[in-house]
Amino acid sequence: MTKKVLIVDDEPNILILMEQALENLEDEHDVELLTAKNGTEALEMIKEEKPDLVFLDIMMPKMNGLEVCNTVKKELGMQEVYIIMLTAKGQEFDKQSGMAVGADMYMTKPFRPKEVLAKAMEILNFEF
């Protein structure tokens, strides 16, 4: 069964960087990479596509990442969707906010593409 990874960020450069970091998954493990540019779009995609893993930015237009995460985990009860908050907000308070709405993990920008790929492989249960 094809696994799906959703990358959510309102910055085109970050989306491109993330897709490049994860393209290895597409090529070698038949993973489908999906992208969304804001929280509303992300929520629709999560409901429709049920991705295995979501890299979620916090500061976005229409609906921020914390709201998206809270809706997915608490309101929709989609615990099987693994959500990694990926954000420039690196304060302890921000991490706690992310975890409070049900995020499974918190990564800060700037990120290392290899680290992102390694984390995705681990979560999706692929051998590195």
C-alpha atoms as a PDB file:
ATOM      1  CA  MET A   1       0.000   0.000   0.000  1.00  0.00           C
ATOM      2  CA  THR A   2       1.337   3.407  -0.942  1.00  0.00           C
ATOM      3  CA  LYS A   3       2.198   5.593   1.988  1.00  0.00           C
ATOM      4  CA  LYS A   4       1.492   9.314   1.828  1.00  0.00           C
ATOM      5  CA  VAL A   5       3.406  12.271   3.206  1.00  0.00           C
ATOM      6  CA  LEU A   6       1.863  15.735   3.294  1.00  0.00           C
ATOM      7  CA  ILE A   7       4.073  18.825   3.464  1.00  0.00           C
ATOM      8  CA  VAL A   8       2.276  21.965   4.624  1.00  0.00           C
ATOM      9  CA  ASP A   9       3.939  25.371   4.392  1.00  0.00           C
ATOM     10  CA  ASP A  10       2.972  28.749   2.997  1.00  0.00           C
ATOM     11  CA  GLU A  11       6.524  29.418   1.813  1.00  0.00           C
ATOM     12  CA  PRO A  12       7.204  28.018  -1.692  1.00  0.00           C
ATOM     13  CA  ASN A  13      10.951  27.726  -0.931  1.00  0.00           C
ATOM     14  CA  ILE A  14      10.311  25.495   2.070  1.00  0.00           C
ATOM     15  CA  LEU A  15       7.914  23.309   0.075  1.00  0.00           C
ATOM     16  CA  ILE A  16      10.557  22.858  -2.631  1.00  0.00           C
ATOM     17  CA  LEU A  17      13.282  22.137  -0.071  1.00  0.00           C
ATOM     18  CA  MET A  18      11.072  19.588   1.717  1.00  0.00           C
ATOM     19  CA  GLU A  19      10.121  17.882  -1.541  1.00  0.00           C
ATOM     20  CA  GLN A  20      13.799  17.647  -2.461  1.00  0.00           C
ATOM     21  CA  ALA A  21      14.620  16.264   0.969  1.00  0.00           C
ATOM     22  CA  LEU A  22      11.927  13.608   0.654  1.00  0.00           C
ATOM     23  CA  GLU A  23      12.110  12.754  -3.064  1.00  0.00           C
ATOM     24  CA  ASN A  24      14.169   9.712  -2.142  1.00  0.00           C
ATOM     25  CA  LEU A  25      11.002   8.281  -0.542  1.00  0.00           C
ATOM     26  CA  GLU A  26       9.082   8.741  -3.784  1.00  0.00           C
ATOM     27  CA  ASP A  27      11.795   7.136  -5.883  1.00  0.00           C
ATOM     28  CA  GLU A  28      12.733   4.225  -3.665  1.00  0.00           C
ATOM     29  CA  HIS A  29       9.682   3.490  -1.531  1.00  0.00           C
ATOM     30  CA  ASP A  30       6.748   4.481  -3.688  1.00  0.00           C
ATOM     31  CA  VAL A  31       5.662   7.194  -1.266  1.00  0.00           C
ATOM     32  CA  GLU A  32       3.247   9.809  -2.556  1.00  0.00           C
ATOM     33  CA  LEU A  33       4.281  13.362  -1.654  1.00  0.00           C
ATOM     34  CA  LEU A  34       1.454  15.847  -1.239  1.00  0.00           C
ATOM     35  CA  THR A  35       1.687  19.563  -0.536  1.00  0.00           C
ATOM     36  CA  ALA A  36      -0.625  22.225   0.855  1.00  0.00           C
ATOM     37  CA  LYS A  37      -0.017  25.968   1.124  1.00  0.00           C
ATOM     38  CA  ASN A  38      -2.273  26.860   4.048  1.00  0.00           C
ATOM     39  CA  GLY A  39      -4.104  25.319   6.962  1.00  0.00           C
ATOM     40  CA  THR A  40      -7.513  25.053   5.321  1.00  0.00           C
ATOM     41  CA  GLU A  41      -6.059  23.265   2.313  1.00  0.00           C
ATOM     42  CA  ALA A  42      -4.065  21.002   4.642  1.00  0.00           C
ATOM     43  CA  LEU A  43      -7.142  19.993   6.611  1.00  0.00           C
ATOM     44  CA  GLU A  44      -9.074  19.130   3.459  1.00  0.00           C
ATOM     45  CA  MET A  45      -6.164  17.042   2.196  1.00  0.00           C
ATOM     46  CA  ILE A  46      -5.757  15.219   5.501  1.00  0.00           C
ATOM     47  CA  LYS A  47      -9.460  14.316   5.511  1.00  0.00           C
ATOM     48  CA  GLU A  48      -9.392  13.152   1.887  1.00  0.00           C
ATOM     49  CA  GLU A  49      -5.972  11.557   1.551  1.00  0.00           C
ATOM     50  CA  LYS A  50      -5.385  10.338   5.125  1.00  0.00           C
ATOM     51  CA  PRO A  51      -1.604  10.765   4.929  1.00  0.00           C
ATOM     52  CA  ASP A  52       0.628   8.626   7.143  1.00  0.00           C
ATOM     53  CA  LEU A  53       2.839  11.591   7.955  1.00  0.00           C
ATOM     54  CA  VAL A  54       2.338  15.360   7.934  1.00  0.00           C
ATOM     55  CA  PHE A  55       5.061  18.004   8.183  1.00  0.00           C
ATOM     56  CA  LEU A  56       3.084  20.996   9.418  1.00  0.00           C
ATOM     57  CA  ASP A  57       4.162  24.625   9.574  1.00  0.00           C
ATOM     58  CA  ILE A  58       2.605  26.677  12.380  1.00  0.00           C
ATOM     59  CA  MET A  59       2.453  30.227  11.057  1.00  0.00           C
ATOM     60  CA  MET A  60       0.206  30.129   7.988  1.00  0.00           C
ATOM     61  CA  PRO A  61      -2.709  32.046   6.522  1.00  0.00           C
ATOM     62  CA  LYS A  62      -6.372  30.967   6.874  1.00  0.00           C
ATOM     63  CA  MET A  63      -5.742  28.461   9.653  1.00  0.00           C
ATOM     64  CA  ASN A  64      -2.512  27.971  11.563  1.00  0.00           C
ATOM     65  CA  GLY A  65      -0.765  24.658  12.144  1.00  0.00           C
ATOM     66  CA  LEU A  66      -1.845  24.417  15.766  1.00  0.00           C
ATOM     67  CA  GLU A  67      -5.507  24.694  14.729  1.00  0.00           C
ATOM     68  CA  VAL A  68      -5.015  22.109  11.988  1.00  0.00           C
ATOM     69  CA  CYS A  69      -3.296  19.691  14.369  1.00  0.00           C
ATOM     70  CA  ASN A  70      -5.945  20.184  17.044  1.00  0.00           C
ATOM     71  CA  THR A  71      -8.745  19.540  14.529  1.00  0.00           C
ATOM     72  CA  VAL A  72      -7.078  16.409  13.121  1.00  0.00           C
ATOM     73  CA  LYS A  73      -6.121  14.843  16.455  1.00  0.00           C
ATOM     74  CA  LYS A  74      -8.781  16.033  18.889  1.00  0.00           C
ATOM     75  CA  GLU A  75     -11.886  16.726  16.805  1.00  0.00           C
ATOM     76  CA  LEU A  76     -11.501  14.135  14.047  1.00  0.00           C
ATOM     77  CA  GLY A  77      -9.667  11.642  16.279  1.00  0.00           C
ATOM     78  CA  MET A  78      -7.192  10.741  13.531  1.00  0.00           C
ATOM     79  CA  GLN A  79      -4.472   9.484  15.857  1.00  0.00           C
ATOM     80  CA  GLU A  80      -2.937   7.363  13.088  1.00  0.00           C
ATOM     81  CA  VAL A  81      -1.823  10.520  11.243  1.00  0.00           C
ATOM     82  CA  TYR A  82       1.683  11.285  12.502  1.00  0.00           C
ATOM     83  CA  ILE A  83       2.120  15.058  12.723  1.00  0.00           C
ATOM     84  CA  ILE A  84       5.481  16.789  12.929  1.00  0.00           C
ATOM     85  CA  MET A  85       5.292  20.499  13.617  1.00  0.00           C
ATOM     86  CA  LEU A  86       7.997  22.091  11.455  1.00  0.00           C
ATOM     87  CA  THR A  87       8.410  25.707  12.387  1.00  0.00           C
ATOM     88  CA  ALA A  88      10.714  28.645  12.957  1.00  0.00           C
ATOM     89  CA  LYS A  89       9.152  29.057  16.408  1.00  0.00           C
ATOM     90  CA  GLY A  90      11.626  27.222  18.588  1.00  0.00           C
ATOM     91  CA  GLN A  91      10.818  28.430  22.090  1.00  0.00           C
ATOM     92  CA  GLU A  92       9.887  25.902  24.770  1.00  0.00           C
ATOM     93  CA  PHE A  93       6.452  27.532  24.980  1.00  0.00           C
ATOM     94  CA  ASP A  94       5.925  26.937  21.262  1.00  0.00           C
ATOM     95  CA  LYS A  95       6.906  23.285  21.611  1.00  0.00           C
ATOM     96  CA  GLN A  96       4.476  22.860  24.475  1.00  0.00           C
ATOM     97  CA  SER A  97       1.711  24.489  22.426  1.00  0.00           C
ATOM     98  CA  GLY A  98       2.425  22.033  19.612  1.00  0.00           C
ATOM     99  CA  MET A  99       2.388  19.032  21.905  1.00  0.00           C
ATOM    100  CA  ALA A 100      -0.757  20.285  23.658  1.00  0.00           C
ATOM    101  CA  VAL A 101      -2.770  20.118  20.418  1.00  0.00           C
ATOM    102  CA  GLY A 102      -1.576  16.574  19.759  1.00  0.00           C
ATOM    103  CA  ALA A 103       1.562  16.936  17.625  1.00  0.00           C
ATOM    104  CA  ASP A 104       3.670  13.773  17.667  1.00  0.00           C
ATOM    105  CA  MET A 105       6.926  15.640  17.222  1.00  0.00           C
ATOM    106  CA  TYR A 106       8.393  19.107  16.914  1.00  0.00           C
ATOM    107  CA  MET A 107      11.188  20.157  14.556  1.00  0.00           C
ATOM    108  CA  THR A 108      12.523  23.651  14.108  1.00  0.00           C
ATOM    109  CA  LYS A 109      13.645  25.522  11.000  1.00  0.00           C
ATOM    110  CA  PRO A 110      16.137  25.789   9.593  1.00  0.00           C
ATOM    111  CA  PHE A 111      16.130  21.990   9.316  1.00  0.00           C
ATOM    112  CA  ARG A 112      18.653  19.608   7.827  1.00  0.00           C
ATOM    113  CA  PRO A 113      17.164  17.759   4.826  1.00  0.00           C
ATOM    114  CA  LYS A 114      18.954  14.528   5.833  1.00  0.00           C
ATOM    115  CA  GLU A 115      17.402  14.738   9.271  1.00  0.00           C
ATOM    116  CA  VAL A 116      13.935  15.249   7.772  1.00  0.00           C
ATOM    117  CA  LEU A 117      14.408  12.244   5.482  1.00  0.00           C
ATOM    118  CA  ALA A 118      15.751  10.054   8.300  1.00  0.00           C
ATOM    119  CA  LYS A 119      12.809  10.974  10.531  1.00  0.00           C
ATOM    120  CA  ALA A 120      10.288  10.271   7.734  1.00  0.00           C
ATOM    121  CA  MET A 121      11.925   6.880   7.009  1.00  0.00           C
ATOM    122  CA  GLU A 122      11.786   5.971  10.685  1.00  0.00           C
ATOM    123  CA  ILE A 123       8.119   6.957  11.064  1.00  0.00           C
ATOM    124  CA  LEU A 124       7.101   5.160   7.873  1.00  0.00           C
ATOM    125  CA  ASN A 125       9.080   2.067   8.964  1.00  0.00           C
ATOM    126  CA  PHE A 126      11.545   2.006   6.069  1.00  0.00           C
ATOM    127  CA  GLU A 127      15.085   0.754   6.395  1.00  0.00           C
ATOM    128  CA  PHE A 128      17.581   3.584   6.119  1.00  0.00           C
END
